[in-house]
Amino acid sequence: MRAAVVTAFGGPDVIETRDIPAPEPSAGQVLVEVGVADVIFVETAIRQGQHGEFFDVQVPYVTGSNLGGRVRAVGPGVSTDWIGKTVVGRGVAFGAHAELALTSTDLVEVPPELDLRTAVAVYGDGFTALMLEELAPPMDGQDVLITASAGGMGLLLIQLAHKAGAHVIAAARGDEKLELSRAQGADVLIDYSKPGWEKLVLEATNGRGADIVFEGAGGELGAAAFSVLKDGGWISAHGAPSGSFAPYDAAEVERRGLTVKGIMDLRADSTTTSVTGAAVMARAAAGDLKPVIDQVYDLDHVADAHRALENRTLRGKALIEVSR
């Protein structure tokens, strides 16, 4: 079968499309004929050999995590009722950017209201967005700052905050991304590529600072977001496209009475959460989560998808179409 393989840690050029043996499902596993797969920023960092403390990945490996397609076979102990169904799920040890991929039984059948591209686009980011919605304080009437607002998850967070009745402040880079943020329900648009953008957040909140911050940018931008969070406020520092998660001083957090959530609070295997994949699909089918798909690449151009993510040229999601 054909697959996109990271041959060594490094730049996008280390990704090659290769013919490799098809996997066989073991006990508790499902084999899926992949139609569409997701691609997200953290995968570019993992490809470079980063985040080893969170992801135990050794080269060579097949890229891609979230996928959708038709179930071809199941391993021992898995109901054969899955065979033939169109599902979304997560690849085992990545592996989604391939014609065939293994998943666990934590699958969700795609509802008839959603096409496969939409289901895959919303599955991973939607899961995280709903976990953030669950973790955060009630947003009705609150000033909510969302950084990296034009990314796949940022746009979903705007939708959720807007629907909850928040005053949504979107921060992104450039007019196109900000206008896309407006279209999803943002009330205030701030270009954080311009010096002093933090002052605009304070102006938008009458000098109080944001009540809630969904921080998806990381690095210096994330540190600046901490500075405009009001005392007693709540922040999720979950993004690292700047190369690192937002730095903060623990003593200052305690002194200011801040509540900080990090990437480990958003791991379904280590967090008490009521969010399920089925809930994500249901919210998407109901129109609460509407992913914005910018680019769709084929299996031979996964490296181009990584470049687009790294160069910040995407406005919304990128997907990999494996088979039609």
C-alpha atoms as a PDB file:
ATOM      1  CA  MET A   1       0.000   0.000   0.000  1.00  0.00           C
ATOM      2  CA  ARG A   2       1.042   3.643  -0.443  1.00  0.00           C
ATOM      3  CA  ALA A   3       1.822   5.803   2.569  1.00  0.00           C
ATOM      4  CA  ALA A   4       3.509   9.098   3.476  1.00  0.00           C
ATOM      5  CA  VAL A   5       6.561   8.181   5.557  1.00  0.00           C
ATOM      6  CA  VAL A   6       8.824  10.372   7.681  1.00  0.00           C
ATOM      7  CA  THR A   7      12.201   8.858   6.853  1.00  0.00           C
ATOM      8  CA  ALA A   8      14.258  10.922   9.351  1.00  0.00           C
ATOM      9  CA  PHE A   9      13.608  13.816  11.698  1.00  0.00           C
ATOM     10  CA  GLY A  10      13.945  17.079   9.810  1.00  0.00           C
ATOM     11  CA  GLY A  11      12.239  19.433   7.366  1.00  0.00           C
ATOM     12  CA  PRO A  12       9.241  18.646   5.154  1.00  0.00           C
ATOM     13  CA  ASP A  13      11.496  17.020   2.544  1.00  0.00           C
ATOM     14  CA  VAL A  14      11.983  14.010   4.834  1.00  0.00           C
ATOM     15  CA  ILE A  15       8.410  12.947   3.999  1.00  0.00           C
ATOM     16  CA  GLU A  16       8.349  10.437   1.156  1.00  0.00           C
ATOM     17  CA  THR A  17       5.495   8.504  -0.414  1.00  0.00           C
ATOM     18  CA  ARG A  18       6.441   4.843  -0.279  1.00  0.00           C
ATOM     19  CA  ASP A  19       4.978   1.407  -0.844  1.00  0.00           C
ATOM     20  CA  ILE A  20       4.954  -0.399   2.497  1.00  0.00           C
ATOM     21  CA  PRO A  21       3.318  -3.602   3.745  1.00  0.00           C
ATOM     22  CA  ALA A  22      -0.346  -3.290   4.645  1.00  0.00           C
ATOM     23  CA  PRO A  23      -1.012  -3.591   8.387  1.00  0.00           C
ATOM     24  CA  GLU A  24      -3.059  -6.378   9.909  1.00  0.00           C
ATOM     25  CA  PRO A  25      -5.434  -5.647  12.812  1.00  0.00           C
ATOM     26  CA  SER A  26      -4.474  -7.189  16.132  1.00  0.00           C
ATOM     27  CA  ALA A  27      -6.802  -7.745  19.078  1.00  0.00           C
ATOM     28  CA  GLY A  28      -8.883  -4.637  19.723  1.00  0.00           C
ATOM     29  CA  GLN A  29      -7.884  -2.983  16.441  1.00  0.00           C
ATOM     30  CA  VAL A  30      -9.732  -2.001  13.286  1.00  0.00           C
ATOM     31  CA  LEU A  31      -8.374  -1.713   9.740  1.00  0.00           C
ATOM     32  CA  VAL A  32      -9.729   1.270   7.799  1.00  0.00           C
ATOM     33  CA  GLU A  33      -9.520   2.057   4.094  1.00  0.00           C
ATOM     34  CA  VAL A  34      -8.608   5.711   4.469  1.00  0.00           C
ATOM     35  CA  GLY A  35     -10.510   8.216   2.388  1.00  0.00           C
ATOM     36  CA  VAL A  36      -9.514  11.475   4.091  1.00  0.00           C
ATOM     37  CA  ALA A  37      -7.072  12.300   6.885  1.00  0.00           C
ATOM     38  CA  ASP A  38      -6.370  15.363   8.985  1.00  0.00           C
ATOM     39  CA  VAL A  39      -3.050  17.219   9.305  1.00  0.00           C
ATOM     40  CA  ILE A  40      -2.347  19.591  12.214  1.00  0.00           C
ATOM     41  CA  PHE A  41       0.509  21.828  13.272  1.00  0.00           C
ATOM     42  CA  VAL A  42       1.840  19.624  16.055  1.00  0.00           C
ATOM     43  CA  GLU A  43       2.626  16.982  13.434  1.00  0.00           C
ATOM     44  CA  THR A  44       5.188  19.335  11.891  1.00  0.00           C
ATOM     45  CA  ALA A  45       6.961  19.657  15.234  1.00  0.00           C
ATOM     46  CA  ILE A  46       6.931  15.896  15.785  1.00  0.00           C
ATOM     47  CA  ARG A  47       8.416  15.462  12.288  1.00  0.00           C
ATOM     48  CA  GLN A  48      11.304  17.671  13.431  1.00  0.00           C
ATOM     49  CA  GLY A  49      11.891  15.482  16.496  1.00  0.00           C
ATOM     50  CA  GLN A  50      10.219  17.815  18.999  1.00  0.00           C
ATOM     51  CA  HIS A  51       7.749  17.054  21.798  1.00  0.00           C
ATOM     52  CA  GLY A  52       9.309  13.696  22.563  1.00  0.00           C
ATOM     53  CA  GLU A  53       8.044  14.046  26.136  1.00  0.00           C
ATOM     54  CA  PHE A  54       4.479  13.870  24.800  1.00  0.00           C
ATOM     55  CA  PHE A  55       4.800  11.644  21.720  1.00  0.00           C
ATOM     56  CA  ASP A  56       6.936   8.502  21.631  1.00  0.00           C
ATOM     57  CA  VAL A  57       7.672   8.443  17.899  1.00  0.00           C
ATOM     58  CA  GLN A  58      10.635   6.799  16.210  1.00  0.00           C
ATOM     59  CA  VAL A  59      11.555   7.108  12.532  1.00  0.00           C
ATOM     60  CA  PRO A  60      10.561   5.860  10.086  1.00  0.00           C
ATOM     61  CA  TYR A  61       6.855   6.345  10.752  1.00  0.00           C
ATOM     62  CA  VAL A  62       3.706   7.048   8.757  1.00  0.00           C
ATOM     63  CA  THR A  63       2.376  10.550   9.296  1.00  0.00           C
ATOM     64  CA  GLY A  64      -1.152  11.579  10.244  1.00  0.00           C
ATOM     65  CA  SER A  65      -3.411  11.028  13.219  1.00  0.00           C
ATOM     66  CA  ASN A  66      -7.124  11.577  12.577  1.00  0.00           C
ATOM     67  CA  LEU A  67      -8.726   9.775   9.659  1.00  0.00           C
ATOM     68  CA  GLY A  68     -11.961   8.804   8.060  1.00  0.00           C
ATOM     69  CA  GLY A  69     -12.899   5.965   5.755  1.00  0.00           C
ATOM     70  CA  ARG A  70     -14.541   2.557   5.427  1.00  0.00           C
ATOM     71  CA  VAL A  71     -13.829  -0.300   7.798  1.00  0.00           C
ATOM     72  CA  ARG A  72     -12.287  -3.208   5.899  1.00  0.00           C
ATOM     73  CA  ALA A  73     -11.472  -5.657   8.691  1.00  0.00           C
ATOM     74  CA  VAL A  74     -11.385  -6.024  12.463  1.00  0.00           C
ATOM     75  CA  GLY A  75      -9.066  -7.816  14.847  1.00  0.00           C
ATOM     76  CA  PRO A  76      -9.950 -10.452  17.436  1.00  0.00           C
ATOM     77  CA  GLY A  77     -12.463  -9.278  19.995  1.00  0.00           C
ATOM     78  CA  VAL A  78     -13.930  -6.535  17.798  1.00  0.00           C
ATOM     79  CA  SER A  79     -17.501  -6.769  16.529  1.00  0.00           C
ATOM     80  CA  THR A  80     -17.751  -7.547  12.827  1.00  0.00           C
ATOM     81  CA  ASP A  81     -20.691  -5.121  12.708  1.00  0.00           C
ATOM     82  CA  TRP A  82     -18.101  -2.389  12.067  1.00  0.00           C
ATOM     83  CA  ILE A  83     -17.092  -3.861   8.702  1.00  0.00           C
ATOM     84  CA  GLY A  84     -18.309  -1.717   5.820  1.00  0.00           C
ATOM     85  CA  LYS A  85     -19.215   1.303   7.957  1.00  0.00           C
ATOM     86  CA  THR A  86     -17.869   4.783   7.239  1.00  0.00           C
ATOM     87  CA  VAL A  87     -16.118   6.018  10.359  1.00  0.00           C
ATOM     88  CA  VAL A  88     -13.755   8.583  11.821  1.00  0.00           C
ATOM     89  CA  GLY A  89     -11.075   7.767  14.379  1.00  0.00           C
ATOM     90  CA  ARG A  90      -7.401   8.098  15.300  1.00  0.00           C
ATOM     91  CA  GLY A  91      -4.569   6.117  13.813  1.00  0.00           C
ATOM     92  CA  VAL A  92      -2.539   3.797  16.014  1.00  0.00           C
ATOM     93  CA  ALA A  93       0.878   5.457  16.535  1.00  0.00           C
ATOM     94  CA  PHE A  94      -0.088   7.961  13.817  1.00  0.00           C
ATOM     95  CA  GLY A  95      -0.345   6.110  10.483  1.00  0.00           C
ATOM     96  CA  ALA A  96      -3.339   7.979   9.019  1.00  0.00           C
ATOM     97  CA  HIS A  97      -1.642   9.143   5.815  1.00  0.00           C
ATOM     98  CA  ALA A  98      -1.834   5.753   4.154  1.00  0.00           C
ATOM     99  CA  GLU A  99      -4.252   3.775   2.030  1.00  0.00           C
ATOM    100  CA  LEU A 100      -4.879   1.457   4.970  1.00  0.00           C
ATOM    101  CA  ALA A 101      -4.535   2.380   8.643  1.00  0.00           C
ATOM    102  CA  LEU A 102      -5.089   0.778  12.012  1.00  0.00           C
ATOM    103  CA  THR A 103      -7.265   2.398  14.654  1.00  0.00           C
ATOM    104  CA  SER A 104      -8.533   1.411  18.055  1.00  0.00           C
ATOM    105  CA  THR A 105     -12.210   0.642  18.583  1.00  0.00           C
ATOM    106  CA  ASP A 106     -12.767   4.243  19.691  1.00  0.00           C
ATOM    107  CA  LEU A 107     -14.478   4.931  16.384  1.00  0.00           C
ATOM    108  CA  VAL A 108     -17.499   7.002  15.447  1.00  0.00           C
ATOM    109  CA  GLU A 109     -19.778   6.261  12.540  1.00  0.00           C
ATOM    110  CA  VAL A 110     -20.136   9.312  10.329  1.00  0.00           C
ATOM    111  CA  PRO A 111     -23.719  10.612  10.550  1.00  0.00           C
ATOM    112  CA  PRO A 112     -25.609  10.986   7.269  1.00  0.00           C
ATOM    113  CA  GLU A 113     -25.732  14.779   7.713  1.00  0.00           C
ATOM    114  CA  LEU A 114     -21.946  15.056   7.295  1.00  0.00           C
ATOM    115  CA  ASP A 115     -19.713  14.311   4.334  1.00  0.00           C
ATOM    116  CA  LEU A 116     -16.395  12.603   5.045  1.00  0.00           C
ATOM    117  CA  ARG A 117     -14.244  15.713   4.600  1.00  0.00           C
ATOM    118  CA  THR A 118     -16.312  17.673   7.103  1.00  0.00           C
ATOM    119  CA  ALA A 119     -16.359  14.794   9.577  1.00  0.00           C
ATOM    120  CA  VAL A 120     -12.567  14.414   9.485  1.00  0.00           C
ATOM    121  CA  ALA A 121     -11.972  18.177   9.578  1.00  0.00           C
ATOM    122  CA  VAL A 122     -14.060  18.571  12.718  1.00  0.00           C
ATOM    123  CA  TYR A 123     -13.124  15.369  14.529  1.00  0.00           C
ATOM    124  CA  GLY A 124      -9.743  16.193  16.080  1.00  0.00           C
ATOM    125  CA  ASP A 125     -10.034  19.961  16.487  1.00  0.00           C
ATOM    126  CA  GLY A 126     -13.662  19.632  17.526  1.00  0.00           C
ATOM    127  CA  PHE A 127     -12.759  17.166  20.264  1.00  0.00           C
ATOM    128  CA  THR A 128     -10.194  19.590  21.691  1.00  0.00           C
ATOM    129  CA  ALA A 129     -12.503  22.580  21.284  1.00  0.00           C
ATOM    130  CA  LEU A 130     -15.309  20.842  23.193  1.00  0.00           C
ATOM    131  CA  MET A 131     -12.875  19.857  25.945  1.00  0.00           C
ATOM    132  CA  LEU A 132     -11.855  23.513  26.228  1.00  0.00           C
ATOM    133  CA  GLU A 133     -15.508  24.536  26.310  1.00  0.00           C
ATOM    134  CA  GLU A 134     -16.044  22.038  29.121  1.00  0.00           C
ATOM    135  CA  LEU A 135     -12.966  23.137  31.091  1.00  0.00           C
ATOM    136  CA  ALA A 136     -13.541  26.884  30.767  1.00  0.00           C
ATOM    137  CA  PRO A 137     -15.854  28.958  32.973  1.00  0.00           C
ATOM    138  CA  PRO A 138     -19.248  29.912  31.506  1.00  0.00           C
ATOM    139  CA  MET A 139     -18.610  32.292  28.615  1.00  0.00           C
ATOM    140  CA  ASP A 140     -21.913  34.159  28.498  1.00  0.00           C
ATOM    141  CA  GLY A 141     -21.212  37.886  28.826  1.00  0.00           C
ATOM    142  CA  GLN A 142     -17.465  37.371  29.216  1.00  0.00           C
ATOM    143  CA  ASP A 143     -14.585  38.918  27.261  1.00  0.00           C
ATOM    144  CA  VAL A 144     -12.972  35.926  25.510  1.00  0.00           C
ATOM    145  CA  LEU A 145      -9.638  36.317  23.708  1.00  0.00           C
ATOM    146  CA  ILE A 146      -8.765  33.680  21.113  1.00  0.00           C
ATOM    147  CA  THR A 147      -5.252  33.729  19.671  1.00  0.00           C
ATOM    148  CA  ALA A 148      -4.354  31.896  16.448  1.00  0.00           C
ATOM    149  CA  SER A 149      -8.003  32.539  15.732  1.00  0.00           C
ATOM    150  CA  ALA A 150      -7.895  31.584  12.041  1.00  0.00           C
ATOM    151  CA  GLY A 151      -6.493  28.097  12.614  1.00  0.00           C
ATOM    152  CA  GLY A 152      -8.724  25.062  12.407  1.00  0.00           C
ATOM    153  CA  MET A 153      -9.397  24.973  16.138  1.00  0.00           C
ATOM    154  CA  GLY A 154      -9.357  28.739  16.630  1.00  0.00           C
ATOM    155  CA  LEU A 155     -12.287  29.104  14.242  1.00  0.00           C
ATOM    156  CA  LEU A 156     -14.255  26.425  16.083  1.00  0.00           C
ATOM    157  CA  LEU A 157     -13.555  28.165  19.397  1.00  0.00           C
ATOM    158  CA  ILE A 158     -14.879  31.425  17.955  1.00  0.00           C
ATOM    159  CA  GLN A 159     -18.071  29.621  16.960  1.00  0.00           C
ATOM    160  CA  LEU A 160     -18.506  28.100  20.423  1.00  0.00           C
ATOM    161  CA  ALA A 161     -17.755  31.342  22.279  1.00  0.00           C
ATOM    162  CA  HIS A 162     -20.079  33.345  20.020  1.00  0.00           C
ATOM    163  CA  LYS A 163     -22.886  30.823  20.464  1.00  0.00           C
ATOM    164  CA  ALA A 164     -22.341  30.948  24.249  1.00  0.00           C
ATOM    165  CA  GLY A 165     -22.886  34.710  24.285  1.00  0.00           C
ATOM    166  CA  ALA A 166     -19.294  35.867  24.774  1.00  0.00           C
ATOM    167  CA  HIS A 167     -17.720  39.116  23.572  1.00  0.00           C
ATOM    168  CA  VAL A 168     -15.182  37.460  21.263  1.00  0.00           C
ATOM    169  CA  ILE A 169     -11.798  39.058  20.607  1.00  0.00           C
ATOM    170  CA  ALA A 170      -9.943  37.327  17.764  1.00  0.00           C
ATOM    171  CA  ALA A 171      -6.186  37.745  17.359  1.00  0.00           C
ATOM    172  CA  ALA A 172      -4.449  36.535  14.219  1.00  0.00           C
ATOM    173  CA  ARG A 173      -1.921  37.639  11.604  1.00  0.00           C
ATOM    174  CA  GLY A 174      -3.168  39.704   8.664  1.00  0.00           C
ATOM    175  CA  ASP A 175      -6.474  41.002   7.309  1.00  0.00           C
ATOM    176  CA  GLU A 176      -7.566  37.809   5.529  1.00  0.00           C
ATOM    177  CA  LYS A 177      -7.328  35.702   8.661  1.00  0.00           C
ATOM    178  CA  LEU A 178      -9.074  38.355  10.708  1.00  0.00           C
ATOM    179  CA  GLU A 179     -11.935  38.664   8.234  1.00  0.00           C
ATOM    180  CA  LEU A 180     -12.335  34.879   8.344  1.00  0.00           C
ATOM    181  CA  SER A 181     -12.478  35.162  12.139  1.00  0.00           C
ATOM    182  CA  ARG A 182     -15.181  37.809  11.842  1.00  0.00           C
ATOM    183  CA  ALA A 183     -17.215  35.517   9.607  1.00  0.00           C
ATOM    184  CA  GLN A 184     -17.253  32.905  12.378  1.00  0.00           C
ATOM    185  CA  GLY A 185     -18.590  35.358  14.964  1.00  0.00           C
ATOM    186  CA  ALA A 186     -15.684  37.424  16.326  1.00  0.00           C
ATOM    187  CA  ASP A 187     -16.659  40.878  17.616  1.00  0.00           C
ATOM    188  CA  VAL A 188     -13.179  42.453  17.801  1.00  0.00           C
ATOM    189  CA  LEU A 189     -10.312  41.798  15.380  1.00  0.00           C
ATOM    190  CA  ILE A 190      -6.676  42.352  16.389  1.00  0.00           C
ATOM    191  CA  ASP A 191      -3.609  41.822  14.219  1.00  0.00           C
ATOM    192  CA  TYR A 192      -0.967  40.482  16.578  1.00  0.00           C
ATOM    193  CA  SER A 193       1.781  40.882  14.017  1.00  0.00           C
ATOM    194  CA  LYS A 194       1.735  44.592  14.867  1.00  0.00           C
ATOM    195  CA  PRO A 195       3.631  45.910  17.926  1.00  0.00           C
ATOM    196  CA  GLY A 196       1.537  46.810  20.939  1.00  0.00           C
ATOM    197  CA  TRP A 197      -1.418  44.605  20.038  1.00  0.00           C
ATOM    198  CA  GLU A 198      -1.926  43.879  23.729  1.00  0.00           C
ATOM    199  CA  LYS A 199      -3.090  47.481  24.239  1.00  0.00           C
ATOM    200  CA  LEU A 200      -5.920  46.869  21.789  1.00  0.00           C
ATOM    201  CA  VAL A 201      -7.098  43.920  23.892  1.00  0.00           C
ATOM    202  CA  LEU A 202      -7.191  46.165  26.960  1.00  0.00           C
ATOM    203  CA  GLU A 203      -9.102  48.806  25.006  1.00  0.00           C
ATOM    204  CA  ALA A 204     -11.626  46.188  23.873  1.00  0.00           C
ATOM    205  CA  THR A 205     -12.182  45.167  27.506  1.00  0.00           C
ATOM    206  CA  ASN A 206     -12.376  48.717  28.937  1.00  0.00           C
ATOM    207  CA  GLY A 207      -8.995  48.232  30.569  1.00  0.00           C
ATOM    208  CA  ARG A 208     -10.048  45.175  32.583  1.00  0.00           C
ATOM    209  CA  GLY A 209      -8.332  42.490  30.520  1.00  0.00           C
ATOM    210  CA  ALA A 210      -9.870  39.331  29.118  1.00  0.00           C
ATOM    211  CA  ASP A 211     -11.870  37.056  31.407  1.00  0.00           C
ATOM    212  CA  ILE A 212     -10.983  33.948  29.410  1.00  0.00           C
ATOM    213  CA  VAL A 213      -8.122  33.309  26.977  1.00  0.00           C
ATOM    214  CA  PHE A 214      -7.853  30.401  24.564  1.00  0.00           C
ATOM    215  CA  GLU A 215      -4.156  30.703  23.731  1.00  0.00           C
ATOM    216  CA  GLY A 216      -3.232  28.818  20.584  1.00  0.00           C
ATOM    217  CA  ALA A 217      -0.140  30.714  19.408  1.00  0.00           C
ATOM    218  CA  GLY A 218       2.529  29.981  22.033  1.00  0.00           C
ATOM    219  CA  GLY A 219       5.904  31.660  22.462  1.00  0.00           C
ATOM    220  CA  GLU A 220       6.095  35.434  22.867  1.00  0.00           C
ATOM    221  CA  LEU A 221       2.549  35.875  21.593  1.00  0.00           C
ATOM    222  CA  GLY A 222       1.337  33.528  24.301  1.00  0.00           C
ATOM    223  CA  ALA A 223       3.302  35.405  26.954  1.00  0.00           C
ATOM    224  CA  ALA A 224       1.653  38.629  25.797  1.00  0.00           C
ATOM    225  CA  ALA A 225      -1.753  36.964  26.066  1.00  0.00           C
ATOM    226  CA  PHE A 226      -1.001  36.203  29.728  1.00  0.00           C
ATOM    227  CA  SER A 227      -0.340  39.910  30.268  1.00  0.00           C
ATOM    228  CA  VAL A 228      -3.851  40.879  29.110  1.00  0.00           C
ATOM    229  CA  LEU A 229      -5.652  38.243  31.170  1.00  0.00           C
ATOM    230  CA  LYS A 230      -7.411  39.919  34.054  1.00  0.00           C
ATOM    231  CA  ASP A 231      -6.518  39.002  37.642  1.00  0.00           C
ATOM    232  CA  GLY A 232      -8.582  35.963  38.579  1.00  0.00           C
ATOM    233  CA  GLY A 233      -8.984  35.053  34.926  1.00  0.00           C
ATOM    234  CA  TRP A 234      -8.786  31.694  33.150  1.00  0.00           C
ATOM    235  CA  ILE A 235      -6.401  30.701  30.349  1.00  0.00           C
ATOM    236  CA  SER A 236      -5.658  27.605  28.315  1.00  0.00           C
ATOM    237  CA  ALA A 237      -2.067  27.677  27.019  1.00  0.00           C
ATOM    238  CA  HIS A 238      -2.473  24.798  24.581  1.00  0.00           C
ATOM    239  CA  GLY A 239      -0.840  26.032  21.355  1.00  0.00           C
ATOM    240  CA  ALA A 240       2.800  25.952  20.275  1.00  0.00           C
ATOM    241  CA  PRO A 241       3.046  26.930  16.579  1.00  0.00           C
ATOM    242  CA  SER A 242       5.573  29.598  17.622  1.00  0.00           C
ATOM    243  CA  GLY A 243       7.901  26.775  18.680  1.00  0.00           C
ATOM    244  CA  SER A 244       6.950  26.505  22.363  1.00  0.00           C
ATOM    245  CA  PHE A 245       3.970  26.751  24.641  1.00  0.00           C
ATOM    246  CA  ALA A 246       3.337  30.143  26.240  1.00  0.00           C
ATOM    247  CA  PRO A 247       5.822  30.695  29.083  1.00  0.00           C
ATOM    248  CA  TYR A 248       4.524  31.925  32.424  1.00  0.00           C
ATOM    249  CA  ASP A 249       5.763  32.494  35.951  1.00  0.00           C
ATOM    250  CA  ALA A 250       4.110  30.195  38.487  1.00  0.00           C
ATOM    251  CA  ALA A 251       4.552  32.729  41.270  1.00  0.00           C
ATOM    252  CA  GLU A 252       2.792  35.397  39.211  1.00  0.00           C
ATOM    253  CA  VAL A 253      -0.023  32.998  38.401  1.00  0.00           C
ATOM    254  CA  GLU A 254      -0.553  32.372  42.109  1.00  0.00           C
ATOM    255  CA  ARG A 255      -0.270  36.056  43.005  1.00  0.00           C
ATOM    256  CA  ARG A 256      -2.809  37.083  40.370  1.00  0.00           C
ATOM    257  CA  GLY A 257      -5.184  34.208  41.104  1.00  0.00           C
ATOM    258  CA  LEU A 258      -5.082  32.867  37.559  1.00  0.00           C
ATOM    259  CA  THR A 259      -6.327  29.461  36.460  1.00  0.00           C
ATOM    260  CA  VAL A 260      -4.011  27.928  33.858  1.00  0.00           C
ATOM    261  CA  LYS A 261      -4.711  24.852  31.769  1.00  0.00           C
ATOM    262  CA  GLY A 262      -2.048  23.280  29.566  1.00  0.00           C
ATOM    263  CA  ILE A 263      -1.695  20.628  26.911  1.00  0.00           C
ATOM    264  CA  MET A 264      -1.816  17.791  29.457  1.00  0.00           C
ATOM    265  CA  ASP A 265      -5.287  18.933  30.504  1.00  0.00           C
ATOM    266  CA  LEU A 266      -6.444  18.310  26.943  1.00  0.00           C
ATOM    267  CA  ARG A 267      -5.380  14.693  26.640  1.00  0.00           C
ATOM    268  CA  ALA A 268      -8.454  12.527  26.705  1.00  0.00           C
ATOM    269  CA  ASP A 269      -6.453   9.698  28.277  1.00  0.00           C
ATOM    270  CA  SER A 270      -5.453  11.831  31.268  1.00  0.00           C
ATOM    271  CA  THR A 271      -8.430  14.133  31.758  1.00  0.00           C
ATOM    272  CA  THR A 272     -11.830  13.524  33.247  1.00  0.00           C
ATOM    273  CA  THR A 273     -14.117  14.653  30.453  1.00  0.00           C
ATOM    274  CA  SER A 274     -17.574  13.937  29.169  1.00  0.00           C
ATOM    275  CA  VAL A 275     -16.548  14.773  25.596  1.00  0.00           C
ATOM    276  CA  THR A 276     -16.674  11.866  23.169  1.00  0.00           C
ATOM    277  CA  GLY A 277     -16.146  11.495  19.459  1.00  0.00           C
ATOM    278  CA  ALA A 278     -19.869  10.872  19.130  1.00  0.00           C
ATOM    279  CA  ALA A 279     -20.534  14.196  20.865  1.00  0.00           C
ATOM    280  CA  VAL A 280     -18.262  15.966  18.372  1.00  0.00           C
ATOM    281  CA  MET A 281     -20.127  14.434  15.440  1.00  0.00           C
ATOM    282  CA  ALA A 282     -23.480  15.283  17.006  1.00  0.00           C
ATOM    283  CA  ARG A 283     -22.491  18.925  17.584  1.00  0.00           C
ATOM    284  CA  ALA A 284     -21.199  19.140  14.015  1.00  0.00           C
ATOM    285  CA  ALA A 285     -24.387  17.606  12.632  1.00  0.00           C
ATOM    286  CA  ALA A 286     -26.384  20.133  14.687  1.00  0.00           C
ATOM    287  CA  GLY A 287     -24.387  23.018  13.196  1.00  0.00           C
ATOM    288  CA  ASP A 288     -22.568  24.025  16.397  1.00  0.00           C
ATOM    289  CA  LEU A 289     -19.176  23.159  14.893  1.00  0.00           C
ATOM    290  CA  LYS A 290     -18.519  24.093  11.270  1.00  0.00           C
ATOM    291  CA  PRO A 291     -14.933  23.427  10.190  1.00  0.00           C
ATOM    292  CA  VAL A 292     -13.406  25.706   7.577  1.00  0.00           C
ATOM    293  CA  ILE A 293     -11.415  23.687   5.026  1.00  0.00           C
ATOM    294  CA  ASP A 294      -8.834  25.745   3.167  1.00  0.00           C
ATOM    295  CA  GLN A 295      -6.697  23.226   1.262  1.00  0.00           C
ATOM    296  CA  VAL A 296      -6.948  19.543   0.355  1.00  0.00           C
ATOM    297  CA  TYR A 297      -3.724  17.750  -0.642  1.00  0.00           C
ATOM    298  CA  ASP A 298      -3.239  14.267  -2.041  1.00  0.00           C
ATOM    299  CA  LEU A 299      -0.993  11.593  -0.560  1.00  0.00           C
ATOM    300  CA  ASP A 300       1.972  12.662  -2.709  1.00  0.00           C
ATOM    301  CA  HIS A 301       1.873  16.196  -1.305  1.00  0.00           C
ATOM    302  CA  VAL A 302       1.793  15.723   2.461  1.00  0.00           C
ATOM    303  CA  ALA A 303       5.083  17.629   2.635  1.00  0.00           C
ATOM    304  CA  ASP A 304       3.352  20.623   0.999  1.00  0.00           C
ATOM    305  CA  ALA A 305       0.674  20.512   3.681  1.00  0.00           C
ATOM    306  CA  HIS A 306       3.417  20.613   6.328  1.00  0.00           C
ATOM    307  CA  ARG A 307       5.017  23.603   4.582  1.00  0.00           C
ATOM    308  CA  ALA A 308       1.695  25.447   4.494  1.00  0.00           C
ATOM    309  CA  LEU A 309       1.231  24.874   8.215  1.00  0.00           C
ATOM    310  CA  GLU A 310       4.747  26.031   9.024  1.00  0.00           C
ATOM    311  CA  ASN A 311       4.516  29.086   6.773  1.00  0.00           C
ATOM    312  CA  ARG A 312       1.171  30.140   8.331  1.00  0.00           C
ATOM    313  CA  THR A 313      -0.492  30.364   4.911  1.00  0.00           C
ATOM    314  CA  LEU A 314      -3.563  28.307   5.796  1.00  0.00           C
ATOM    315  CA  ARG A 315      -6.874  29.919   6.668  1.00  0.00           C
ATOM    316  CA  GLY A 316      -8.631  27.086   8.414  1.00  0.00           C
ATOM    317  CA  LYS A 317      -7.938  23.404   7.919  1.00  0.00           C
ATOM    318  CA  ALA A 318      -5.756  21.362   5.602  1.00  0.00           C
ATOM    319  CA  LEU A 319      -6.768  17.799   4.777  1.00  0.00           C
ATOM    320  CA  ILE A 320      -5.108  14.881   3.003  1.00  0.00           C
ATOM    321  CA  GLU A 321      -7.334  13.065   0.518  1.00  0.00           C
ATOM    322  CA  VAL A 322      -5.987   9.546   0.318  1.00  0.00           C
ATOM    323  CA  SER A 323      -8.568   7.948  -1.957  1.00  0.00           C
ATOM    324  CA  ARG A 324     -11.680   9.127  -3.741  1.00  0.00           C
END
